[in-house]
Amino acid sequence: MKLTSAAVGSLLLLSALPVAASPYQNLEYALKEQKIISDLRTHCTLAENISDEKIRSVFLNNESSHDLILAAAKALSAGNQQVYAESVEKIQCPDIK
């Protein structure tokens, strides 16, 4: 139940990113989300035919990667590229089909 609650709370991807209050903030949120997904695709060498939603679901439902993704999101929001890159590199790549 605890994992389910965490997953449901995270499905909007990266609860560390603020809920957007304006169209500009919506765009900023979407761009950050896309950067993280793109970097996960590169880091884990994921096929292009795997949907963003599948990537979101698999990584956020995995306890070990969940916290690292949140740390990466916080670093990205803070503009700390070094911590962001380190967090992404620490993420263990699951087998996604």
PDB file of N, CA and C in Angstrom:
ATOM      1  N   MET A   1       0.825  -1.192   0.000  1.00  0.00           N
ATOM      2  CA  MET A   1       0.000   0.000   0.000  1.00  0.00           C
ATOM      3  C   MET A   1       0.870   1.257   0.000  1.00  0.00           C
ATOM      4  N   LYS A   2       1.961   1.202   0.784  1.00  0.00           N
ATOM      5  CA  LYS A   2       2.862   2.355   0.858  1.00  0.00           C
ATOM      6  C   LYS A   2       3.460   2.681  -0.502  1.00  0.00           C
ATOM      7  N   LEU A   3       3.909   1.640  -1.232  1.00  0.00           N
ATOM      8  CA  LEU A   3       4.480   1.833  -2.559  1.00  0.00           C
ATOM      9  C   LEU A   3       3.423   2.363  -3.523  1.00  0.00           C
ATOM     10  N   THR A   4       2.202   1.835  -3.414  1.00  0.00           N
ATOM     11  CA  THR A   4       1.123   2.299  -4.282  1.00  0.00           C
ATOM     12  C   THR A   4       0.844   3.769  -4.045  1.00  0.00           C
ATOM     13  N   SER A   5       0.797   4.194  -2.810  1.00  0.00           N
ATOM     14  CA  SER A   5       0.573   5.604  -2.502  1.00  0.00           C
ATOM     15  C   SER A   5       1.682   6.472  -3.053  1.00  0.00           C
ATOM     16  N   ALA A   6       2.915   6.014  -2.943  1.00  0.00           N
ATOM     17  CA  ALA A   6       4.048   6.769  -3.473  1.00  0.00           C
ATOM     18  C   ALA A   6       3.970   6.853  -4.985  1.00  0.00           C
ATOM     19  N   ALA A   7       3.600   5.767  -5.618  1.00  0.00           N
ATOM     20  CA  ALA A   7       3.516   5.745  -7.083  1.00  0.00           C
ATOM     21  C   ALA A   7       2.403   6.657  -7.574  1.00  0.00           C
ATOM     22  N   VAL A   8       1.251   6.597  -6.927  1.00  0.00           N
ATOM     23  CA  VAL A   8       0.137   7.448  -7.334  1.00  0.00           C
ATOM     24  C   VAL A   8       0.510   8.916  -7.173  1.00  0.00           C
ATOM     25  N   GLY A   9       1.171   9.240  -6.094  1.00  0.00           N
ATOM     26  CA  GLY A   9       1.585  10.616  -5.865  1.00  0.00           C
ATOM     27  C   GLY A   9       2.641  11.085  -6.846  1.00  0.00           C
ATOM     28  N   SER A  10       3.304  10.153  -7.481  1.00  0.00           N
ATOM     29  CA  SER A  10       4.397  10.503  -8.390  1.00  0.00           C
ATOM     30  C   SER A  10       4.024  10.441  -9.859  1.00  0.00           C
ATOM     31  N   LEU A  11       2.881   9.932 -10.191  1.00  0.00           N
ATOM     32  CA  LEU A  11       2.558   9.713 -11.595  1.00  0.00           C
ATOM     33  C   LEU A  11       2.495  10.990 -12.420  1.00  0.00           C
ATOM     34  N   LEU A  12       2.361  12.104 -11.803  1.00  0.00           N
ATOM     35  CA  LEU A  12       2.438  13.356 -12.551  1.00  0.00           C
ATOM     36  C   LEU A  12       3.878  13.650 -12.903  1.00  0.00           C
ATOM     37  N   LEU A  13       4.739  12.784 -12.533  1.00  0.00           N
ATOM     38  CA  LEU A  13       6.189  12.792 -12.708  1.00  0.00           C
ATOM     39  C   LEU A  13       6.814  13.843 -11.834  1.00  0.00           C
ATOM     40  N   LEU A  14       7.609  13.365 -10.982  1.00  0.00           N
ATOM     41  CA  LEU A  14       8.519  14.192 -10.227  1.00  0.00           C
ATOM     42  C   LEU A  14       7.831  15.240  -9.366  1.00  0.00           C
ATOM     43  N   SER A  15       7.296  14.800  -8.275  1.00  0.00           N
ATOM     44  CA  SER A  15       6.585  15.708  -7.389  1.00  0.00           C
ATOM     45  C   SER A  15       7.482  16.827  -6.875  1.00  0.00           C
ATOM     46  N   ALA A  16       8.775  16.714  -7.097  1.00  0.00           N
ATOM     47  CA  ALA A  16       9.684  17.786  -6.694  1.00  0.00           C
ATOM     48  C   ALA A  16       9.533  19.004  -7.604  1.00  0.00           C
ATOM     49  N   LEU A  17       8.972  18.791  -8.782  1.00  0.00           N
ATOM     50  CA  LEU A  17       8.727  19.922  -9.663  1.00  0.00           C
ATOM     51  C   LEU A  17       7.415  20.572  -9.241  1.00  0.00           C
ATOM     52  N   PRO A  18       7.386  21.896  -9.135  1.00  0.00           N
ATOM     53  CA  PRO A  18       6.192  22.565  -8.639  1.00  0.00           C
ATOM     54  C   PRO A  18       5.013  22.441  -9.594  1.00  0.00           C
ATOM     55  N   VAL A  19       3.826  22.440  -9.020  1.00  0.00           N
ATOM     56  CA  VAL A  19       2.617  22.442  -9.826  1.00  0.00           C
ATOM     57  C   VAL A  19       2.527  23.794 -10.506  1.00  0.00           C
ATOM     58  N   ALA A  20       2.322  23.767 -11.782  1.00  0.00           N
ATOM     59  CA  ALA A  20       2.335  24.998 -12.564  1.00  0.00           C
ATOM     60  C   ALA A  20       1.100  25.834 -12.295  1.00  0.00           C
ATOM     61  N   ALA A  21       1.305  27.141 -12.226  1.00  0.00           N
ATOM     62  CA  ALA A  21       0.212  28.072 -11.966  1.00  0.00           C
ATOM     63  C   ALA A  21      -0.085  28.939 -13.178  1.00  0.00           C
ATOM     64  N   SER A  22       0.728  28.893 -14.202  1.00  0.00           N
ATOM     65  CA  SER A  22       0.512  29.709 -15.384  1.00  0.00           C
ATOM     66  C   SER A  22       0.947  28.929 -16.619  1.00  0.00           C
ATOM     67  N   PRO A  23       0.560  29.390 -17.804  1.00  0.00           N
ATOM     68  CA  PRO A  23       1.002  28.696 -19.019  1.00  0.00           C
ATOM     69  C   PRO A  23       2.530  28.622 -19.118  1.00  0.00           C
ATOM     70  N   TYR A  24       3.221  29.669 -18.717  1.00  0.00           N
ATOM     71  CA  TYR A  24       4.681  29.658 -18.749  1.00  0.00           C
ATOM     72  C   TYR A  24       5.228  28.582 -17.820  1.00  0.00           C
ATOM     73  N   GLN A  25       4.667  28.469 -16.636  1.00  0.00           N
ATOM     74  CA  GLN A  25       5.118  27.448 -15.694  1.00  0.00           C
ATOM     75  C   GLN A  25       4.768  26.049 -16.199  1.00  0.00           C
ATOM     76  N   ASN A  26       3.626  25.903 -16.885  1.00  0.00           N
ATOM     77  CA  ASN A  26       3.272  24.616 -17.488  1.00  0.00           C
ATOM     78  C   ASN A  26       4.324  24.210 -18.509  1.00  0.00           C
ATOM     79  N   LEU A  27       4.751  25.154 -19.329  1.00  0.00           N
ATOM     80  CA  LEU A  27       5.771  24.880 -20.331  1.00  0.00           C
ATOM     81  C   LEU A  27       7.093  24.529 -19.665  1.00  0.00           C
ATOM     82  N   GLU A  28       7.465  25.278 -18.647  1.00  0.00           N
ATOM     83  CA  GLU A  28       8.717  25.012 -17.934  1.00  0.00           C
ATOM     84  C   GLU A  28       8.699  23.614 -17.319  1.00  0.00           C
ATOM     85  N   TYR A  29       7.591  23.243 -16.706  1.00  0.00           N
ATOM     86  CA  TYR A  29       7.435  21.911 -16.109  1.00  0.00           C
ATOM     87  C   TYR A  29       7.579  20.834 -17.182  1.00  0.00           C
ATOM     88  N   ALA A  30       6.886  21.019 -18.304  1.00  0.00           N
ATOM     89  CA  ALA A  30       6.925  20.031 -19.388  1.00  0.00           C
ATOM     90  C   ALA A  30       8.339  19.881 -19.952  1.00  0.00           C
ATOM     91  N   LEU A  31       9.057  20.978 -20.078  1.00  0.00           N
ATOM     92  CA  LEU A  31      10.419  20.925 -20.596  1.00  0.00           C
ATOM     93  C   LEU A  31      11.353  20.190 -19.631  1.00  0.00           C
ATOM     94  N   LYS A  32      11.191  20.424 -18.342  1.00  0.00           N
ATOM     95  CA  LYS A  32      12.008  19.709 -17.345  1.00  0.00           C
ATOM     96  C   LYS A  32      11.689  18.220 -17.363  1.00  0.00           C
ATOM     97  N   GLU A  33      10.417  17.909 -17.430  1.00  0.00           N
ATOM     98  CA  GLU A  33       9.999  16.516 -17.475  1.00  0.00           C
ATOM     99  C   GLU A  33      10.583  15.834 -18.712  1.00  0.00           C
ATOM    100  N   GLN A  34      10.513  16.503 -19.856  1.00  0.00           N
ATOM    101  CA  GLN A  34      11.032  15.930 -21.089  1.00  0.00           C
ATOM    102  C   GLN A  34      12.542  15.755 -21.037  1.00  0.00           C
ATOM    103  N   LYS A  35      13.253  16.684 -20.408  1.00  0.00           N
ATOM    104  CA  LYS A  35      14.707  16.564 -20.276  1.00  0.00           C
ATOM    105  C   LYS A  35      15.065  15.331 -19.452  1.00  0.00           C
ATOM    106  N   ILE A  36      14.369  15.134 -18.359  1.00  0.00           N
ATOM    107  CA  ILE A  36      14.646  13.977 -17.503  1.00  0.00           C
ATOM    108  C   ILE A  36      14.375  12.680 -18.258  1.00  0.00           C
ATOM    109  N   ILE A  37      13.254  12.613 -18.960  1.00  0.00           N
ATOM    110  CA  ILE A  37      12.935  11.406 -19.724  1.00  0.00           C
ATOM    111  C   ILE A  37      13.970  11.185 -20.817  1.00  0.00           C
ATOM    112  N   SER A  38      14.351  12.244 -21.508  1.00  0.00           N
ATOM    113  CA  SER A  38      15.360  12.141 -22.568  1.00  0.00           C
ATOM    114  C   SER A  38      16.691  11.646 -22.001  1.00  0.00           C
ATOM    115  N   ASP A  39      17.089  12.195 -20.861  1.00  0.00           N
ATOM    116  CA  ASP A  39      18.344  11.773 -20.242  1.00  0.00           C
ATOM    117  C   ASP A  39      18.274  10.335 -19.734  1.00  0.00           C
ATOM    118  N   LEU A  40      17.096   9.899 -19.274  1.00  0.00           N
ATOM    119  CA  LEU A  40      16.931   8.496 -18.873  1.00  0.00           C
ATOM    120  C   LEU A  40      17.017   7.584 -20.094  1.00  0.00           C
ATOM    121  N   ARG A  41      16.445   8.025 -21.210  1.00  0.00           N
ATOM    122  CA  ARG A  41      16.539   7.249 -22.454  1.00  0.00           C
ATOM    123  C   ARG A  41      18.005   7.064 -22.848  1.00  0.00           C
ATOM    124  N   THR A  42      18.781   8.146 -22.767  1.00  0.00           N
ATOM    125  CA  THR A  42      20.194   8.094 -23.133  1.00  0.00           C
ATOM    126  C   THR A  42      20.985   7.236 -22.148  1.00  0.00           C
ATOM    127  N   HIS A  43      20.794   7.505 -20.858  1.00  0.00           N
ATOM    128  CA  HIS A  43      21.522   6.785 -19.811  1.00  0.00           C
ATOM    129  C   HIS A  43      21.275   5.282 -19.888  1.00  0.00           C
ATOM    130  N   CYS A  44      20.049   4.896 -20.152  1.00  0.00           N
ATOM    131  CA  CYS A  44      19.683   3.477 -20.142  1.00  0.00           C
ATOM    132  C   CYS A  44      19.590   2.868 -21.537  1.00  0.00           C
ATOM    133  N   THR A  45      19.924   3.650 -22.542  1.00  0.00           N
ATOM    134  CA  THR A  45      19.868   3.201 -23.930  1.00  0.00           C
ATOM    135  C   THR A  45      18.507   2.563 -24.228  1.00  0.00           C
ATOM    136  N   LEU A  46      17.450   3.333 -23.996  1.00  0.00           N
ATOM    137  CA  LEU A  46      16.088   2.850 -24.203  1.00  0.00           C
ATOM    138  C   LEU A  46      15.655   3.092 -25.651  1.00  0.00           C
ATOM    139  N   ALA A  47      14.952   2.145 -26.192  1.00  0.00           N
ATOM    140  CA  ALA A  47      14.475   2.241 -27.570  1.00  0.00           C
ATOM    141  C   ALA A  47      13.472   3.384 -27.716  1.00  0.00           C
ATOM    142  N   GLU A  48      13.461   3.978 -28.887  1.00  0.00           N
ATOM    143  CA  GLU A  48      12.551   5.088 -29.167  1.00  0.00           C
ATOM    144  C   GLU A  48      11.085   4.661 -29.143  1.00  0.00           C
ATOM    145  N   ASN A  49      10.814   3.377 -29.380  1.00  0.00           N
ATOM    146  CA  ASN A  49       9.420   2.922 -29.406  1.00  0.00           C
ATOM    147  C   ASN A  49       8.819   2.752 -28.009  1.00  0.00           C
ATOM    148  N   ILE A  50       9.616   2.935 -26.968  1.00  0.00           N
ATOM    149  CA  ILE A  50       9.101   2.883 -25.594  1.00  0.00           C
ATOM    150  C   ILE A  50       8.526   4.258 -25.272  1.00  0.00           C
ATOM    151  N   SER A  51       7.281   4.279 -24.878  1.00  0.00           N
ATOM    152  CA  SER A  51       6.592   5.555 -24.640  1.00  0.00           C
ATOM    153  C   SER A  51       7.129   6.263 -23.399  1.00  0.00           C
ATOM    154  N   ASP A  52       6.978   7.582 -23.411  1.00  0.00           N
ATOM    155  CA  ASP A  52       7.358   8.376 -22.236  1.00  0.00           C
ATOM    156  C   ASP A  52       6.572   7.926 -21.011  1.00  0.00           C
ATOM    157  N   GLU A  53       5.304   7.600 -21.203  1.00  0.00           N
ATOM    158  CA  GLU A  53       4.464   7.166 -20.088  1.00  0.00           C
ATOM    159  C   GLU A  53       4.979   5.858 -19.485  1.00  0.00           C
ATOM    160  N   LYS A  54       5.432   4.955 -20.333  1.00  0.00           N
ATOM    161  CA  LYS A  54       5.993   3.685 -19.848  1.00  0.00           C
ATOM    162  C   LYS A  54       7.265   3.953 -19.041  1.00  0.00           C
ATOM    163  N   ILE A  55       8.123   4.840 -19.540  1.00  0.00           N
ATOM    164  CA  ILE A  55       9.350   5.192 -18.824  1.00  0.00           C
ATOM    165  C   ILE A  55       9.004   5.795 -17.473  1.00  0.00           C
ATOM    166  N   ARG A  56       8.076   6.745 -17.474  1.00  0.00           N
ATOM    167  CA  ARG A  56       7.622   7.379 -16.236  1.00  0.00           C
ATOM    168  C   ARG A  56       7.172   6.329 -15.232  1.00  0.00           C
ATOM    169  N   SER A  57       6.306   5.448 -15.686  1.00  0.00           N
ATOM    170  CA  SER A  57       5.725   4.433 -14.818  1.00  0.00           C
ATOM    171  C   SER A  57       6.780   3.491 -14.247  1.00  0.00           C
ATOM    172  N   VAL A  58       7.633   2.966 -15.105  1.00  0.00           N
ATOM    173  CA  VAL A  58       8.639   1.989 -14.657  1.00  0.00           C
ATOM    174  C   VAL A  58       9.615   2.617 -13.667  1.00  0.00           C
ATOM    175  N   PHE A  59      10.135   3.789 -13.984  1.00  0.00           N
ATOM    176  CA  PHE A  59      11.134   4.395 -13.109  1.00  0.00           C
ATOM    177  C   PHE A  59      10.534   4.880 -11.792  1.00  0.00           C
ATOM    178  N   LEU A  60       9.341   5.432 -11.830  1.00  0.00           N
ATOM    179  CA  LEU A  60       8.757   5.942 -10.590  1.00  0.00           C
ATOM    180  C   LEU A  60       8.185   4.838  -9.711  1.00  0.00           C
ATOM    181  N   ASN A  61       7.885   3.695 -10.279  1.00  0.00           N
ATOM    182  CA  ASN A  61       7.400   2.567  -9.480  1.00  0.00           C
ATOM    183  C   ASN A  61       8.531   1.741  -8.899  1.00  0.00           C
ATOM    184  N   ASN A  62       9.762   2.056  -9.280  1.00  0.00           N
ATOM    185  CA  ASN A  62      10.932   1.362  -8.768  1.00  0.00           C
ATOM    186  C   ASN A  62      11.477   2.169  -7.589  1.00  0.00           C
ATOM    187  N   GLU A  63      11.449   1.574  -6.398  1.00  0.00           N
ATOM    188  CA  GLU A  63      11.849   2.313  -5.192  1.00  0.00           C
ATOM    189  C   GLU A  63      13.259   2.888  -5.275  1.00  0.00           C
ATOM    190  N   SER A  64      14.191   2.144  -5.826  1.00  0.00           N
ATOM    191  CA  SER A  64      15.574   2.628  -5.852  1.00  0.00           C
ATOM    192  C   SER A  64      15.749   3.798  -6.817  1.00  0.00           C
ATOM    193  N   SER A  65      15.049   3.795  -7.937  1.00  0.00           N
ATOM    194  CA  SER A  65      15.200   4.912  -8.875  1.00  0.00           C
ATOM    195  C   SER A  65      14.307   6.091  -8.515  1.00  0.00           C
ATOM    196  N   HIS A  66      13.220   5.842  -7.824  1.00  0.00           N
ATOM    197  CA  HIS A  66      12.271   6.907  -7.469  1.00  0.00           C
ATOM    198  C   HIS A  66      12.956   8.067  -6.753  1.00  0.00           C
ATOM    199  N   ASP A  67      13.697   7.758  -5.703  1.00  0.00           N
ATOM    200  CA  ASP A  67      14.347   8.808  -4.917  1.00  0.00           C
ATOM    201  C   ASP A  67      15.430   9.538  -5.725  1.00  0.00           C
ATOM    202  N   LEU A  68      16.135   8.801  -6.553  1.00  0.00           N
ATOM    203  CA  LEU A  68      17.163   9.431  -7.388  1.00  0.00           C
ATOM    204  C   LEU A  68      16.539  10.352  -8.440  1.00  0.00           C
ATOM    205  N   ILE A  69      15.399   9.968  -8.971  1.00  0.00           N
ATOM    206  CA  ILE A  69      14.712  10.826  -9.936  1.00  0.00           C
ATOM    207  C   ILE A  69      14.232  12.096  -9.256  1.00  0.00           C
ATOM    208  N   LEU A  70      13.716  11.968  -8.062  1.00  0.00           N
ATOM    209  CA  LEU A  70      13.289  13.161  -7.322  1.00  0.00           C
ATOM    210  C   LEU A  70      14.477  14.072  -7.019  1.00  0.00           C
ATOM    211  N   ALA A  71      15.614  13.480  -6.664  1.00  0.00           N
ATOM    212  CA  ALA A  71      16.824  14.271  -6.414  1.00  0.00           C
ATOM    213  C   ALA A  71      17.280  14.970  -7.693  1.00  0.00           C
ATOM    214  N   ALA A  72      17.209  14.256  -8.813  1.00  0.00           N
ATOM    215  CA  ALA A  72      17.581  14.852 -10.101  1.00  0.00           C
ATOM    216  C   ALA A  72      16.645  16.009 -10.444  1.00  0.00           C
ATOM    217  N   ALA A  73      15.358  15.815 -10.200  1.00  0.00           N
ATOM    218  CA  ALA A  73      14.378  16.874 -10.494  1.00  0.00           C
ATOM    219  C   ALA A  73      14.631  18.115  -9.644  1.00  0.00           C
ATOM    220  N   LYS A  74      14.927  17.909  -8.376  1.00  0.00           N
ATOM    221  CA  LYS A  74      15.221  19.050  -7.492  1.00  0.00           C
ATOM    222  C   LYS A  74      16.474  19.783  -7.965  1.00  0.00           C
ATOM    223  N   ALA A  75      17.500  19.032  -8.329  1.00  0.00           N
ATOM    224  CA  ALA A  75      18.744  19.641  -8.811  1.00  0.00           C
ATOM    225  C   ALA A  75      18.503  20.407 -10.105  1.00  0.00           C
ATOM    226  N   LEU A  76      17.706  19.840 -11.002  1.00  0.00           N
ATOM    227  CA  LEU A  76      17.383  20.504 -12.260  1.00  0.00           C
ATOM    228  C   LEU A  76      16.630  21.800 -11.999  1.00  0.00           C
ATOM    229  N   SER A  77      15.676  21.763 -11.094  1.00  0.00           N
ATOM    230  CA  SER A  77      14.915  22.963 -10.754  1.00  0.00           C
ATOM    231  C   SER A  77      15.798  24.036 -10.131  1.00  0.00           C
ATOM    232  N   ALA A  78      16.806  23.587  -9.376  1.00  0.00           N
ATOM    233  CA  ALA A  78      17.719  24.527  -8.718  1.00  0.00           C
ATOM    234  C   ALA A  78      18.842  24.988  -9.649  1.00  0.00           C
ATOM    235  N   GLY A  79      18.897  24.402 -10.832  1.00  0.00           N
ATOM    236  CA  GLY A  79      19.946  24.775 -11.781  1.00  0.00           C
ATOM    237  C   GLY A  79      21.301  24.171 -11.464  1.00  0.00           C
ATOM    238  N   ASN A  80      21.304  23.114 -10.672  1.00  0.00           N
ATOM    239  CA  ASN A  80      22.553  22.462 -10.281  1.00  0.00           C
ATOM    240  C   ASN A  80      22.815  21.282 -11.222  1.00  0.00           C
ATOM    241  N   GLN A  81      23.457  21.564 -12.342  1.00  0.00           N
ATOM    242  CA  GLN A  81      23.682  20.566 -13.382  1.00  0.00           C
ATOM    243  C   GLN A  81      24.554  19.406 -12.894  1.00  0.00           C
ATOM    244  N   GLN A  82      25.525  19.686 -12.053  1.00  0.00           N
ATOM    245  CA  GLN A  82      26.417  18.626 -11.572  1.00  0.00           C
ATOM    246  C   GLN A  82      25.649  17.592 -10.741  1.00  0.00           C
ATOM    247  N   VAL A  83      24.852  18.053  -9.790  1.00  0.00           N
ATOM    248  CA  VAL A  83      24.076  17.132  -8.954  1.00  0.00           C
ATOM    249  C   VAL A  83      23.037  16.407  -9.805  1.00  0.00           C
ATOM    250  N   TYR A  84      22.454  17.128 -10.766  1.00  0.00           N
ATOM    251  CA  TYR A  84      21.488  16.510 -11.675  1.00  0.00           C
ATOM    252  C   TYR A  84      22.139  15.345 -12.423  1.00  0.00           C
ATOM    253  N   ALA A  85      23.281  15.605 -13.047  1.00  0.00           N
ATOM    254  CA  ALA A  85      23.978  14.578 -13.828  1.00  0.00           C
ATOM    255  C   ALA A  85      24.395  13.403 -12.945  1.00  0.00           C
ATOM    256  N   GLU A  86      24.873  13.680 -11.752  1.00  0.00           N
ATOM    257  CA  GLU A  86      25.276  12.617 -10.826  1.00  0.00           C
ATOM    258  C   GLU A  86      24.077  11.756 -10.433  1.00  0.00           C
ATOM    259  N   SER A  87      22.939  12.394 -10.191  1.00  0.00           N
ATOM    260  CA  SER A  87      21.735  11.644  -9.814  1.00  0.00           C
ATOM    261  C   SER A  87      21.277  10.741 -10.947  1.00  0.00           C
ATOM    262  N   VAL A  88      21.276  11.255 -12.175  1.00  0.00           N
ATOM    263  CA  VAL A  88      20.862  10.447 -13.325  1.00  0.00           C
ATOM    264  C   VAL A  88      21.819   9.270 -13.519  1.00  0.00           C
ATOM    265  N   GLU A  89      23.107   9.512 -13.363  1.00  0.00           N
ATOM    266  CA  GLU A  89      24.098   8.442 -13.549  1.00  0.00           C
ATOM    267  C   GLU A  89      23.966   7.325 -12.512  1.00  0.00           C
ATOM    268  N   LYS A  90      23.453   7.626 -11.339  1.00  0.00           N
ATOM    269  CA  LYS A  90      23.296   6.630 -10.278  1.00  0.00           C
ATOM    270  C   LYS A  90      22.074   5.736 -10.480  1.00  0.00           C
ATOM    271  N   ILE A  91      21.171   6.150 -11.348  1.00  0.00           N
ATOM    272  CA  ILE A  91      19.938   5.395 -11.559  1.00  0.00           C
ATOM    273  C   ILE A  91      20.258   4.075 -12.253  1.00  0.00           C
ATOM    274  N   GLN A  92      19.775   2.990 -11.660  1.00  0.00           N
ATOM    275  CA  GLN A  92      19.962   1.666 -12.255  1.00  0.00           C
ATOM    276  C   GLN A  92      18.879   1.464 -13.300  1.00  0.00           C
ATOM    277  N   CYS A  93      19.286   1.004 -14.447  1.00  0.00           N
ATOM    278  CA  CYS A  93      18.373   0.858 -15.575  1.00  0.00           C
ATOM    279  C   CYS A  93      17.610  -0.457 -15.512  1.00  0.00           C
ATOM    280  N   PRO A  94      16.306  -0.381 -15.464  1.00  0.00           N
ATOM    281  CA  PRO A  94      15.486  -1.602 -15.476  1.00  0.00           C
ATOM    282  C   PRO A  94      15.373  -2.147 -16.902  1.00  0.00           C
ATOM    283  N   ASP A  95      14.925  -3.363 -17.000  1.00  0.00           N
ATOM    284  CA  ASP A  95      14.689  -3.964 -18.300  1.00  0.00           C
ATOM    285  C   ASP A  95      13.281  -3.565 -18.736  1.00  0.00           C
ATOM    286  N   ILE A  96      13.201  -2.659 -19.696  1.00  0.00           N
ATOM    287  CA  ILE A  96      11.900  -2.165 -20.164  1.00  0.00           C
ATOM    288  C   ILE A  96      11.665  -2.705 -21.563  1.00  0.00           C
ATOM    289  N   LYS A  97      10.487  -3.287 -21.739  1.00  0.00           N
ATOM    290  CA  LYS A  97      10.116  -3.821 -23.064  1.00  0.00           C
ATOM    291  C   LYS A  97       8.891  -3.113 -23.572  1.00  0.00           C
TER     292      LYS A  97
END
